[in-house]
Amino acid sequence: MKKQIVRVLVLWAVSLFLLMGCGSAQAYLDQQIEKAGESDALPTLGETNGGAPEDADACCVHVSGAVAVPGVYVLGPGSRLIDAVNMAGGFTEEADEDYLNLAAVVADGQQYHVPTKEETEGLAEQSGVTADGLVDINRAGAEELMSLTGIGPGKAQAILEYREEHGSFASTEELMNVSGIGESSFNKLRDEIVVR
């Protein structure tokens, strides 16, 4: 009897996956096989991924990265990213749980990648902006430099050229050696920059 239920579930899950075009069929199938051991009742066609009801306003999202069961999930209208992560089995131990805005409303057809702590550390090292929002004038690109008070495209380019010619800045004060950045300009942005 149990083998027959499993066969029916396999056929049902494959049909559901083909009909809907999305859904973490494997994860859902595992859940339903587990439920089948407890009950002979089969799930209804309107349910996917742990019972989220199929709805015209529902959205289909891809959750990847440091979650227990990465895959494609169907969520109800107004669902938040934390709901998608929970549907994917929650965070793994390696996940950087604070990297994403878990309160954000998910959008249909989007991928949400949960990075590991190692991945986010690598991103911080490559970025010209530190975790506390300061611009590292030794690593920042033109766009990051232009986020500073009083720095437009011309001054940003001058900073990049100075860095190429003289190497890394030894201190933030050395920024005043760049053409067009005097003491007055420096004082306006001194609290926005750092040297690493």
N, C-alpha and C. Protein backbone atom coordinates (compact mmCIF):
# COMPACT_ATOMS: atom_id res chain seq x y z
N MET A 1 0.84 -1.21 0.00
CA MET A 1 0.00 0.00 0.00
C MET A 1 0.88 1.27 0.00
N LYS A 2 1.95 1.22 0.82
CA LYS A 2 2.83 2.39 0.92
C LYS A 2 3.54 2.65 -0.40
N LYS A 3 3.96 1.56 -1.09
CA LYS A 3 4.63 1.71 -2.39
C LYS A 3 3.69 2.34 -3.41
N GLN A 4 2.41 1.97 -3.36
CA GLN A 4 1.43 2.55 -4.28
C GLN A 4 1.26 4.04 -4.00
N ILE A 5 1.22 4.42 -2.75
CA ILE A 5 1.09 5.84 -2.39
C ILE A 5 2.29 6.61 -2.88
N VAL A 6 3.48 6.04 -2.69
CA VAL A 6 4.71 6.71 -3.14
C VAL A 6 4.69 6.88 -4.65
N ARG A 7 4.28 5.85 -5.38
CA ARG A 7 4.20 5.95 -6.85
C ARG A 7 3.23 7.04 -7.27
N VAL A 8 2.08 7.08 -6.62
CA VAL A 8 1.08 8.10 -6.93
C VAL A 8 1.65 9.49 -6.65
N LEU A 9 2.35 9.61 -5.53
CA LEU A 9 2.95 10.91 -5.18
C LEU A 9 4.00 11.33 -6.18
N VAL A 10 4.82 10.39 -6.63
CA VAL A 10 5.86 10.71 -7.63
C VAL A 10 5.20 11.21 -8.91
N LEU A 11 4.21 10.49 -9.38
CA LEU A 11 3.50 10.91 -10.61
C LEU A 11 2.82 12.26 -10.40
N TRP A 12 2.21 12.43 -9.25
CA TRP A 12 1.52 13.68 -8.96
C TRP A 12 2.49 14.85 -8.92
N ALA A 13 3.67 14.66 -8.27
CA ALA A 13 4.66 15.74 -8.15
C ALA A 13 5.22 16.12 -9.51
N VAL A 14 5.51 15.12 -10.35
CA VAL A 14 6.02 15.40 -11.69
C VAL A 14 4.98 16.16 -12.50
N SER A 15 3.72 15.72 -12.41
CA SER A 15 2.64 16.42 -13.12
C SER A 15 2.49 17.85 -12.64
N LEU A 16 2.55 18.03 -11.34
CA LEU A 16 2.43 19.36 -10.75
C LEU A 16 3.57 20.25 -11.24
N PHE A 17 4.78 19.72 -11.23
CA PHE A 17 5.95 20.50 -11.67
C PHE A 17 5.78 20.92 -13.13
N LEU A 18 5.33 20.00 -13.98
CA LEU A 18 5.15 20.32 -15.40
C LEU A 18 4.01 21.31 -15.62
N LEU A 19 2.93 21.17 -14.85
CA LEU A 19 1.79 22.08 -15.00
C LEU A 19 2.11 23.49 -14.53
N MET A 20 2.80 23.59 -13.41
CA MET A 20 3.04 24.90 -12.82
C MET A 20 4.28 25.59 -13.36
N GLY A 21 5.25 24.83 -13.80
CA GLY A 21 6.48 25.43 -14.30
C GLY A 21 7.40 25.87 -13.19
N CYS A 22 7.01 25.71 -11.95
CA CYS A 22 7.89 26.05 -10.84
C CYS A 22 7.44 25.29 -9.61
N GLY A 23 8.24 25.30 -8.59
CA GLY A 23 7.97 24.58 -7.37
C GLY A 23 9.11 23.65 -7.07
N SER A 24 9.51 23.57 -5.85
CA SER A 24 10.60 22.69 -5.48
C SER A 24 10.01 21.29 -5.35
N ALA A 25 9.94 20.59 -6.47
CA ALA A 25 9.26 19.31 -6.51
C ALA A 25 9.88 18.31 -5.56
N GLN A 26 11.21 18.25 -5.50
CA GLN A 26 11.87 17.26 -4.66
C GLN A 26 11.56 17.50 -3.18
N ALA A 27 11.70 18.76 -2.75
CA ALA A 27 11.45 19.08 -1.34
C ALA A 27 9.99 18.79 -0.99
N TYR A 28 9.11 19.18 -1.90
CA TYR A 28 7.69 18.97 -1.64
C TYR A 28 7.35 17.49 -1.63
N LEU A 29 7.93 16.74 -2.56
CA LEU A 29 7.69 15.31 -2.62
C LEU A 29 8.14 14.64 -1.32
N ASP A 30 9.30 15.03 -0.83
CA ASP A 30 9.80 14.46 0.43
C ASP A 30 8.83 14.72 1.57
N GLN A 31 8.28 15.94 1.61
CA GLN A 31 7.32 16.28 2.66
C GLN A 31 6.06 15.41 2.55
N GLN A 32 5.61 15.25 1.32
CA GLN A 32 4.36 14.50 1.12
C GLN A 32 4.55 13.02 1.39
N ILE A 33 5.73 12.48 1.06
CA ILE A 33 6.00 11.06 1.35
C ILE A 33 6.00 10.85 2.85
N GLU A 34 6.60 11.82 3.58
CA GLU A 34 6.62 11.74 5.04
C GLU A 34 5.20 11.79 5.59
N LYS A 35 4.37 12.67 5.03
CA LYS A 35 2.98 12.77 5.48
C LYS A 35 2.20 11.51 5.15
N ALA A 36 2.54 10.87 4.01
CA ALA A 36 1.82 9.68 3.59
C ALA A 36 1.97 8.55 4.61
N GLY A 37 3.11 8.54 5.30
CA GLY A 37 3.32 7.54 6.33
C GLY A 37 2.37 7.74 7.51
N GLU A 38 1.94 8.97 7.71
CA GLU A 38 1.06 9.28 8.82
C GLU A 38 -0.42 9.22 8.42
N SER A 39 -0.69 9.41 7.14
CA SER A 39 -2.09 9.47 6.71
C SER A 39 -2.19 8.97 5.28
N ASP A 40 -3.34 8.39 4.93
CA ASP A 40 -3.56 7.93 3.55
C ASP A 40 -4.11 9.03 2.67
N ALA A 41 -4.35 10.22 3.25
CA ALA A 41 -4.93 11.32 2.47
C ALA A 41 -3.88 11.90 1.55
N LEU A 42 -4.24 12.12 0.29
CA LEU A 42 -3.35 12.72 -0.68
C LEU A 42 -3.54 14.23 -0.69
N PRO A 43 -2.48 14.99 -0.98
CA PRO A 43 -2.62 16.45 -1.01
C PRO A 43 -3.47 16.89 -2.18
N THR A 44 -4.05 18.06 -2.05
CA THR A 44 -4.86 18.58 -3.14
C THR A 44 -3.96 19.29 -4.14
N LEU A 45 -4.42 19.40 -5.37
CA LEU A 45 -3.62 20.01 -6.44
C LEU A 45 -3.34 21.48 -6.17
N GLY A 46 -4.14 22.14 -5.36
CA GLY A 46 -3.94 23.56 -5.09
C GLY A 46 -2.85 23.86 -4.08
N GLU A 47 -2.17 22.84 -3.58
CA GLU A 47 -1.13 23.07 -2.59
C GLU A 47 0.24 22.76 -3.18
N THR A 48 1.22 23.61 -2.84
CA THR A 48 2.59 23.35 -3.25
C THR A 48 3.52 23.75 -2.12
N ASN A 49 4.67 23.14 -2.08
CA ASN A 49 5.72 23.51 -1.13
C ASN A 49 5.22 23.74 0.29
N GLY A 50 4.83 22.68 0.91
CA GLY A 50 4.48 22.80 2.32
C GLY A 50 3.12 23.42 2.55
N GLY A 51 2.26 23.43 1.55
CA GLY A 51 0.89 23.85 1.75
C GLY A 51 0.58 25.28 1.41
N ALA A 52 1.48 26.05 0.78
CA ALA A 52 1.14 27.41 0.37
C ALA A 52 0.10 27.33 -0.72
N PRO A 53 -1.05 27.94 -0.57
CA PRO A 53 -2.12 27.80 -1.55
C PRO A 53 -1.78 28.45 -2.88
N GLU A 54 -2.18 27.77 -3.96
CA GLU A 54 -1.99 28.33 -5.28
C GLU A 54 -2.98 29.48 -5.44
N ASP A 55 -2.53 30.63 -5.92
CA ASP A 55 -3.34 31.83 -5.95
C ASP A 55 -2.91 32.66 -7.15
N ALA A 56 -3.84 33.38 -7.75
CA ALA A 56 -3.50 34.22 -8.90
C ALA A 56 -2.46 35.26 -8.53
N ASP A 57 -2.45 35.70 -7.26
CA ASP A 57 -1.50 36.71 -6.80
C ASP A 57 -0.25 36.11 -6.19
N ALA A 58 -0.16 34.79 -6.13
CA ALA A 58 1.01 34.14 -5.53
C ALA A 58 2.25 34.42 -6.37
N CYS A 59 3.40 34.32 -5.74
CA CYS A 59 4.63 34.55 -6.51
C CYS A 59 5.57 33.37 -6.37
N CYS A 60 6.34 33.18 -7.43
CA CYS A 60 7.27 32.08 -7.54
C CYS A 60 8.68 32.67 -7.45
N VAL A 61 9.47 32.25 -6.45
CA VAL A 61 10.80 32.81 -6.26
C VAL A 61 11.84 31.70 -6.13
N HIS A 62 13.06 32.03 -6.50
CA HIS A 62 14.18 31.10 -6.39
C HIS A 62 15.02 31.49 -5.19
N VAL A 63 15.13 30.61 -4.22
CA VAL A 63 15.94 30.86 -3.03
C VAL A 63 17.20 30.02 -3.16
N SER A 64 18.36 30.67 -3.18
CA SER A 64 19.61 29.95 -3.35
C SER A 64 20.60 30.32 -2.25
N GLY A 65 21.72 29.63 -2.24
CA GLY A 65 22.77 29.96 -1.29
C GLY A 65 22.68 29.17 0.01
N ALA A 66 22.94 29.85 1.12
CA ALA A 66 23.10 29.21 2.43
C ALA A 66 21.77 28.97 3.13
N VAL A 67 20.91 28.16 2.48
CA VAL A 67 19.66 27.72 3.07
C VAL A 67 19.65 26.19 3.02
N ALA A 68 18.81 25.57 3.85
CA ALA A 68 18.80 24.11 3.96
C ALA A 68 18.40 23.42 2.66
N VAL A 69 17.37 23.95 1.99
CA VAL A 69 16.88 23.32 0.76
C VAL A 69 16.71 24.39 -0.32
N PRO A 70 17.79 24.76 -1.03
CA PRO A 70 17.66 25.75 -2.10
C PRO A 70 16.68 25.25 -3.16
N GLY A 71 15.94 26.15 -3.75
CA GLY A 71 15.01 25.74 -4.79
C GLY A 71 14.04 26.85 -5.15
N VAL A 72 13.04 26.49 -5.93
CA VAL A 72 12.02 27.43 -6.38
C VAL A 72 10.77 27.20 -5.54
N TYR A 73 10.22 28.28 -5.00
CA TYR A 73 9.09 28.16 -4.08
C TYR A 73 7.96 29.11 -4.46
N VAL A 74 6.73 28.68 -4.17
CA VAL A 74 5.55 29.50 -4.42
C VAL A 74 5.07 30.03 -3.07
N LEU A 75 4.94 31.36 -3.00
CA LEU A 75 4.50 32.00 -1.76
C LEU A 75 3.23 32.78 -2.01
N GLY A 76 2.50 33.03 -0.95
CA GLY A 76 1.26 33.79 -1.04
C GLY A 76 1.53 35.28 -1.24
N PRO A 77 0.51 36.03 -1.62
CA PRO A 77 0.67 37.47 -1.84
C PRO A 77 1.14 38.18 -0.58
N GLY A 78 2.05 39.14 -0.76
CA GLY A 78 2.56 39.93 0.36
C GLY A 78 3.60 39.22 1.21
N SER A 79 4.09 38.06 0.76
CA SER A 79 5.08 37.32 1.54
C SER A 79 6.39 38.09 1.63
N ARG A 80 7.08 37.90 2.72
CA ARG A 80 8.36 38.55 2.97
C ARG A 80 9.50 37.58 2.69
N LEU A 81 10.69 38.12 2.57
CA LEU A 81 11.85 37.29 2.29
C LEU A 81 12.07 36.24 3.38
N ILE A 82 11.76 36.58 4.63
CA ILE A 82 11.92 35.62 5.71
C ILE A 82 11.01 34.41 5.49
N ASP A 83 9.83 34.62 4.87
CA ASP A 83 8.92 33.51 4.57
C ASP A 83 9.55 32.58 3.54
N ALA A 84 10.21 33.18 2.54
CA ALA A 84 10.86 32.38 1.50
C ALA A 84 12.01 31.57 2.10
N VAL A 85 12.79 32.20 2.98
CA VAL A 85 13.91 31.51 3.63
C VAL A 85 13.38 30.35 4.48
N ASN A 86 12.31 30.59 5.21
CA ASN A 86 11.72 29.53 6.04
C ASN A 86 11.20 28.39 5.18
N MET A 87 10.61 28.71 4.03
CA MET A 87 10.14 27.66 3.13
C MET A 87 11.30 26.81 2.62
N ALA A 88 12.45 27.45 2.49
CA ALA A 88 13.64 26.75 2.00
C ALA A 88 14.38 26.05 3.15
N GLY A 89 13.72 25.89 4.27
CA GLY A 89 14.29 25.12 5.37
C GLY A 89 15.09 25.94 6.36
N GLY A 90 15.14 27.26 6.16
CA GLY A 90 15.88 28.12 7.08
C GLY A 90 17.34 28.25 6.72
N PHE A 91 18.04 29.07 7.46
CA PHE A 91 19.45 29.33 7.22
C PHE A 91 20.32 28.12 7.60
N THR A 92 21.44 27.98 6.91
CA THR A 92 22.46 27.03 7.35
C THR A 92 23.34 27.73 8.38
N GLU A 93 24.24 26.99 9.01
CA GLU A 93 25.13 27.59 10.01
C GLU A 93 26.06 28.62 9.40
N GLU A 94 26.40 28.44 8.12
CA GLU A 94 27.35 29.34 7.45
C GLU A 94 26.71 30.64 6.98
N ALA A 95 25.39 30.73 6.99
CA ALA A 95 24.68 31.88 6.42
C ALA A 95 24.97 33.19 7.15
N ASP A 96 25.07 34.26 6.37
CA ASP A 96 25.14 35.60 6.96
C ASP A 96 23.70 36.10 7.04
N GLU A 97 23.06 35.88 8.17
CA GLU A 97 21.63 36.14 8.33
C GLU A 97 21.28 37.62 8.29
N ASP A 98 22.27 38.48 8.48
CA ASP A 98 22.00 39.91 8.52
C ASP A 98 22.27 40.62 7.19
N TYR A 99 22.72 39.88 6.19
CA TYR A 99 23.11 40.52 4.93
C TYR A 99 21.90 41.02 4.14
N LEU A 100 20.84 40.24 4.10
CA LEU A 100 19.64 40.60 3.33
C LEU A 100 18.59 41.25 4.22
N ASN A 101 17.74 42.04 3.60
CA ASN A 101 16.61 42.62 4.32
C ASN A 101 15.49 41.59 4.34
N LEU A 102 15.38 40.88 5.43
CA LEU A 102 14.41 39.78 5.53
C LEU A 102 12.97 40.27 5.61
N ALA A 103 12.78 41.56 5.84
CA ALA A 103 11.42 42.12 5.90
C ALA A 103 10.92 42.54 4.52
N ALA A 104 11.78 42.48 3.49
CA ALA A 104 11.39 42.92 2.15
C ALA A 104 10.31 42.00 1.57
N VAL A 105 9.36 42.60 0.86
CA VAL A 105 8.32 41.82 0.19
C VAL A 105 8.94 41.19 -1.06
N VAL A 106 8.73 39.88 -1.23
CA VAL A 106 9.32 39.20 -2.38
C VAL A 106 8.53 39.51 -3.65
N ALA A 107 9.23 39.46 -4.78
CA ALA A 107 8.60 39.74 -6.08
C ALA A 107 8.63 38.49 -6.94
N ASP A 108 7.58 38.29 -7.69
CA ASP A 108 7.45 37.12 -8.55
C ASP A 108 8.61 37.05 -9.55
N GLY A 109 9.16 35.86 -9.70
CA GLY A 109 10.20 35.62 -10.70
C GLY A 109 11.59 36.03 -10.28
N GLN A 110 11.79 36.41 -9.03
CA GLN A 110 13.11 36.88 -8.58
C GLN A 110 13.90 35.77 -7.90
N GLN A 111 15.25 35.92 -7.95
CA GLN A 111 16.12 35.02 -7.21
C GLN A 111 16.65 35.76 -6.00
N TYR A 112 16.64 35.09 -4.85
CA TYR A 112 17.16 35.65 -3.61
C TYR A 112 18.29 34.74 -3.13
N HIS A 113 19.51 35.27 -3.17
CA HIS A 113 20.68 34.48 -2.78
C HIS A 113 21.09 34.83 -1.36
N VAL A 114 21.13 33.83 -0.49
CA VAL A 114 21.56 34.02 0.88
C VAL A 114 23.06 33.71 0.93
N PRO A 115 23.89 34.72 1.14
CA PRO A 115 25.33 34.48 1.12
C PRO A 115 25.84 33.89 2.43
N THR A 116 27.00 33.26 2.36
CA THR A 116 27.66 32.79 3.57
C THR A 116 28.44 33.96 4.17
N LYS A 117 28.86 33.82 5.43
CA LYS A 117 29.67 34.87 6.06
C LYS A 117 30.97 35.07 5.29
N GLU A 118 31.52 33.98 4.78
CA GLU A 118 32.76 34.06 4.01
C GLU A 118 32.56 34.88 2.73
N GLU A 119 31.42 34.68 2.07
CA GLU A 119 31.12 35.44 0.85
C GLU A 119 31.01 36.92 1.14
N THR A 120 30.32 37.29 2.22
CA THR A 120 30.13 38.71 2.51
C THR A 120 31.42 39.37 2.97
N GLU A 121 32.29 38.60 3.63
CA GLU A 121 33.60 39.15 4.00
C GLU A 121 34.40 39.46 2.75
N GLY A 122 34.31 38.56 1.75
CA GLY A 122 35.01 38.78 0.48
C GLY A 122 34.48 40.01 -0.24
N LEU A 123 33.16 40.22 -0.18
CA LEU A 123 32.56 41.40 -0.81
C LEU A 123 33.03 42.67 -0.12
N ALA A 124 33.12 42.64 1.21
CA ALA A 124 33.55 43.83 1.95
C ALA A 124 34.98 44.19 1.62
N GLU A 125 35.83 43.16 1.41
CA GLU A 125 37.24 43.42 1.10
C GLU A 125 37.38 44.07 -0.27
N GLN A 126 36.51 43.67 -1.22
CA GLN A 126 36.59 44.21 -2.58
C GLN A 126 35.98 45.60 -2.67
N SER A 127 35.05 45.91 -1.81
CA SER A 127 34.31 47.16 -1.89
C SER A 127 35.14 48.32 -1.37
N GLY A 128 34.83 49.50 -1.90
CA GLY A 128 35.47 50.72 -1.42
C GLY A 128 34.70 51.36 -0.29
N VAL A 129 33.63 50.70 0.17
CA VAL A 129 32.83 51.23 1.28
C VAL A 129 32.89 50.22 2.42
N THR A 130 33.24 50.69 3.61
CA THR A 130 33.36 49.80 4.76
C THR A 130 31.98 49.44 5.31
N ALA A 131 31.96 48.48 6.23
CA ALA A 131 30.70 48.03 6.81
C ALA A 131 29.97 49.17 7.53
N ASP A 132 30.73 50.16 8.06
CA ASP A 132 30.07 51.27 8.75
C ASP A 132 29.80 52.46 7.83
N GLY A 133 29.92 52.24 6.50
CA GLY A 133 29.52 53.25 5.53
C GLY A 133 30.58 54.27 5.14
N LEU A 134 31.80 54.12 5.63
CA LEU A 134 32.87 55.05 5.25
C LEU A 134 33.48 54.64 3.91
N VAL A 135 33.88 55.62 3.11
CA VAL A 135 34.48 55.36 1.81
C VAL A 135 35.99 55.24 1.97
N ASP A 136 36.52 54.09 1.58
CA ASP A 136 37.97 53.87 1.63
C ASP A 136 38.57 54.48 0.38
N ILE A 137 39.29 55.57 0.54
CA ILE A 137 39.81 56.29 -0.64
C ILE A 137 40.92 55.53 -1.35
N ASN A 138 41.40 54.45 -0.77
CA ASN A 138 42.39 53.61 -1.45
C ASN A 138 41.76 52.52 -2.30
N ARG A 139 40.49 52.23 -2.07
CA ARG A 139 39.82 51.14 -2.81
C ARG A 139 38.61 51.60 -3.61
N ALA A 140 38.09 52.75 -3.29
CA ALA A 140 36.84 53.21 -3.91
C ALA A 140 37.00 53.46 -5.40
N GLY A 141 35.95 53.12 -6.15
CA GLY A 141 35.88 53.44 -7.56
C GLY A 141 35.28 54.83 -7.73
N ALA A 142 35.13 55.25 -8.97
CA ALA A 142 34.63 56.59 -9.26
C ALA A 142 33.25 56.84 -8.65
N GLU A 143 32.34 55.88 -8.79
CA GLU A 143 30.97 56.07 -8.26
C GLU A 143 30.97 56.21 -6.75
N GLU A 144 31.78 55.38 -6.08
CA GLU A 144 31.84 55.46 -4.62
C GLU A 144 32.46 56.79 -4.18
N LEU A 145 33.47 57.25 -4.90
CA LEU A 145 34.07 58.55 -4.58
C LEU A 145 33.08 59.68 -4.78
N MET A 146 32.25 59.58 -5.81
CA MET A 146 31.27 60.63 -6.09
C MET A 146 30.14 60.68 -5.05
N SER A 147 30.06 59.67 -4.20
CA SER A 147 29.06 59.70 -3.13
C SER A 147 29.51 60.62 -1.99
N LEU A 148 30.77 61.03 -2.03
CA LEU A 148 31.30 61.92 -0.99
C LEU A 148 30.84 63.36 -1.20
N THR A 149 30.71 64.10 -0.13
CA THR A 149 30.30 65.51 -0.19
C THR A 149 31.29 66.31 -1.03
N GLY A 150 30.77 66.99 -2.05
CA GLY A 150 31.60 67.88 -2.87
C GLY A 150 32.46 67.21 -3.92
N ILE A 151 32.33 65.89 -4.09
CA ILE A 151 33.14 65.18 -5.09
C ILE A 151 32.26 64.83 -6.30
N GLY A 152 32.56 65.48 -7.41
CA GLY A 152 31.88 65.19 -8.66
C GLY A 152 32.76 64.33 -9.54
N PRO A 153 32.37 64.12 -10.80
CA PRO A 153 33.14 63.27 -11.72
C PRO A 153 34.58 63.73 -11.90
N GLY A 154 34.79 65.04 -12.01
CA GLY A 154 36.15 65.57 -12.22
C GLY A 154 37.08 65.29 -11.05
N LYS A 155 36.62 65.56 -9.84
CA LYS A 155 37.45 65.32 -8.65
C LYS A 155 37.65 63.83 -8.40
N ALA A 156 36.61 63.05 -8.68
CA ALA A 156 36.74 61.59 -8.52
C ALA A 156 37.84 61.07 -9.45
N GLN A 157 37.84 61.54 -10.69
CA GLN A 157 38.87 61.13 -11.65
C GLN A 157 40.25 61.58 -11.19
N ALA A 158 40.33 62.78 -10.61
CA ALA A 158 41.61 63.30 -10.11
C ALA A 158 42.15 62.42 -8.98
N ILE A 159 41.25 61.93 -8.12
CA ILE A 159 41.65 61.05 -7.02
C ILE A 159 42.19 59.73 -7.57
N LEU A 160 41.49 59.18 -8.56
CA LEU A 160 41.93 57.92 -9.17
C LEU A 160 43.30 58.08 -9.84
N GLU A 161 43.49 59.20 -10.54
CA GLU A 161 44.76 59.45 -11.21
C GLU A 161 45.89 59.64 -10.20
N TYR A 162 45.60 60.34 -9.11
CA TYR A 162 46.61 60.54 -8.06
C TYR A 162 47.03 59.18 -7.48
N ARG A 163 46.05 58.33 -7.25
CA ARG A 163 46.31 57.01 -6.68
C ARG A 163 47.17 56.17 -7.61
N GLU A 164 46.88 56.26 -8.93
CA GLU A 164 47.68 55.51 -9.91
C GLU A 164 49.13 56.00 -9.94
N GLU A 165 49.28 57.31 -9.82
CA GLU A 165 50.62 57.92 -9.93
C GLU A 165 51.44 57.78 -8.65
N HIS A 166 50.78 57.93 -7.49
CA HIS A 166 51.51 57.95 -6.21
C HIS A 166 51.30 56.72 -5.34
N GLY A 167 50.41 55.83 -5.73
CA GLY A 167 50.10 54.66 -4.90
C GLY A 167 49.03 54.99 -3.87
N SER A 168 48.88 54.10 -2.92
CA SER A 168 47.83 54.27 -1.91
C SER A 168 48.07 55.49 -1.03
N PHE A 169 46.97 56.06 -0.55
CA PHE A 169 47.06 57.17 0.39
C PHE A 169 47.56 56.64 1.73
N ALA A 170 48.51 57.34 2.32
CA ALA A 170 49.04 56.94 3.63
C ALA A 170 48.11 57.41 4.74
N SER A 171 47.38 58.49 4.50
CA SER A 171 46.44 59.02 5.49
C SER A 171 45.31 59.72 4.74
N THR A 172 44.23 59.99 5.43
CA THR A 172 43.12 60.69 4.79
C THR A 172 43.51 62.12 4.43
N GLU A 173 44.38 62.73 5.24
CA GLU A 173 44.83 64.10 5.00
C GLU A 173 45.57 64.25 3.66
N GLU A 174 46.17 63.16 3.20
CA GLU A 174 46.90 63.21 1.92
C GLU A 174 45.97 63.52 0.76
N LEU A 175 44.68 63.34 0.97
CA LEU A 175 43.70 63.66 -0.07
C LEU A 175 43.81 65.13 -0.49
N MET A 176 44.28 65.99 0.40
CA MET A 176 44.42 67.41 0.08
C MET A 176 45.54 67.66 -0.94
N ASN A 177 46.36 66.65 -1.22
CA ASN A 177 47.39 66.77 -2.26
C ASN A 177 46.81 66.62 -3.66
N VAL A 178 45.56 66.14 -3.74
CA VAL A 178 44.91 65.95 -5.04
C VAL A 178 44.46 67.30 -5.57
N SER A 179 44.71 67.53 -6.84
CA SER A 179 44.33 68.79 -7.48
C SER A 179 42.83 69.03 -7.34
N GLY A 180 42.46 70.22 -6.83
CA GLY A 180 41.06 70.59 -6.70
C GLY A 180 40.47 70.28 -5.34
N ILE A 181 41.24 69.61 -4.46
CA ILE A 181 40.74 69.31 -3.12
C ILE A 181 41.63 70.02 -2.11
N GLY A 182 41.12 71.11 -1.60
CA GLY A 182 41.86 71.88 -0.60
C GLY A 182 41.37 71.56 0.79
N GLU A 183 41.82 72.35 1.75
CA GLU A 183 41.46 72.11 3.15
C GLU A 183 39.96 72.25 3.38
N SER A 184 39.35 73.24 2.72
CA SER A 184 37.91 73.46 2.87
C SER A 184 37.11 72.25 2.37
N SER A 185 37.48 71.75 1.18
CA SER A 185 36.79 70.56 0.62
C SER A 185 37.01 69.35 1.50
N PHE A 186 38.25 69.20 1.98
CA PHE A 186 38.58 68.05 2.82
C PHE A 186 37.77 68.06 4.11
N ASN A 187 37.63 69.23 4.73
CA ASN A 187 36.91 69.32 5.99
C ASN A 187 35.44 68.93 5.85
N LYS A 188 34.87 69.12 4.66
CA LYS A 188 33.46 68.77 4.43
C LYS A 188 33.25 67.26 4.35
N LEU A 189 34.30 66.52 3.96
CA LEU A 189 34.13 65.08 3.76
C LEU A 189 35.01 64.22 4.66
N ARG A 190 35.78 64.83 5.54
CA ARG A 190 36.74 64.09 6.35
C ARG A 190 36.10 63.00 7.20
N ASP A 191 34.86 63.21 7.63
CA ASP A 191 34.16 62.21 8.46
C ASP A 191 33.51 61.12 7.62
N GLU A 192 33.64 61.22 6.30
CA GLU A 192 33.01 60.23 5.41
C GLU A 192 34.04 59.26 4.83
N ILE A 193 35.32 59.47 5.12
CA ILE A 193 36.37 58.68 4.47
C ILE A 193 37.26 57.95 5.47
N VAL A 194 37.97 56.97 4.94
CA VAL A 194 38.90 56.19 5.75
C VAL A 194 40.00 55.67 4.82
N VAL A 195 41.14 55.30 5.40
CA VAL A 195 42.23 54.66 4.67
C VAL A 195 42.48 53.30 5.31
N ARG A 196 42.45 52.25 4.49
CA ARG A 196 42.73 50.89 5.01
C ARG A 196 43.97 50.34 4.35
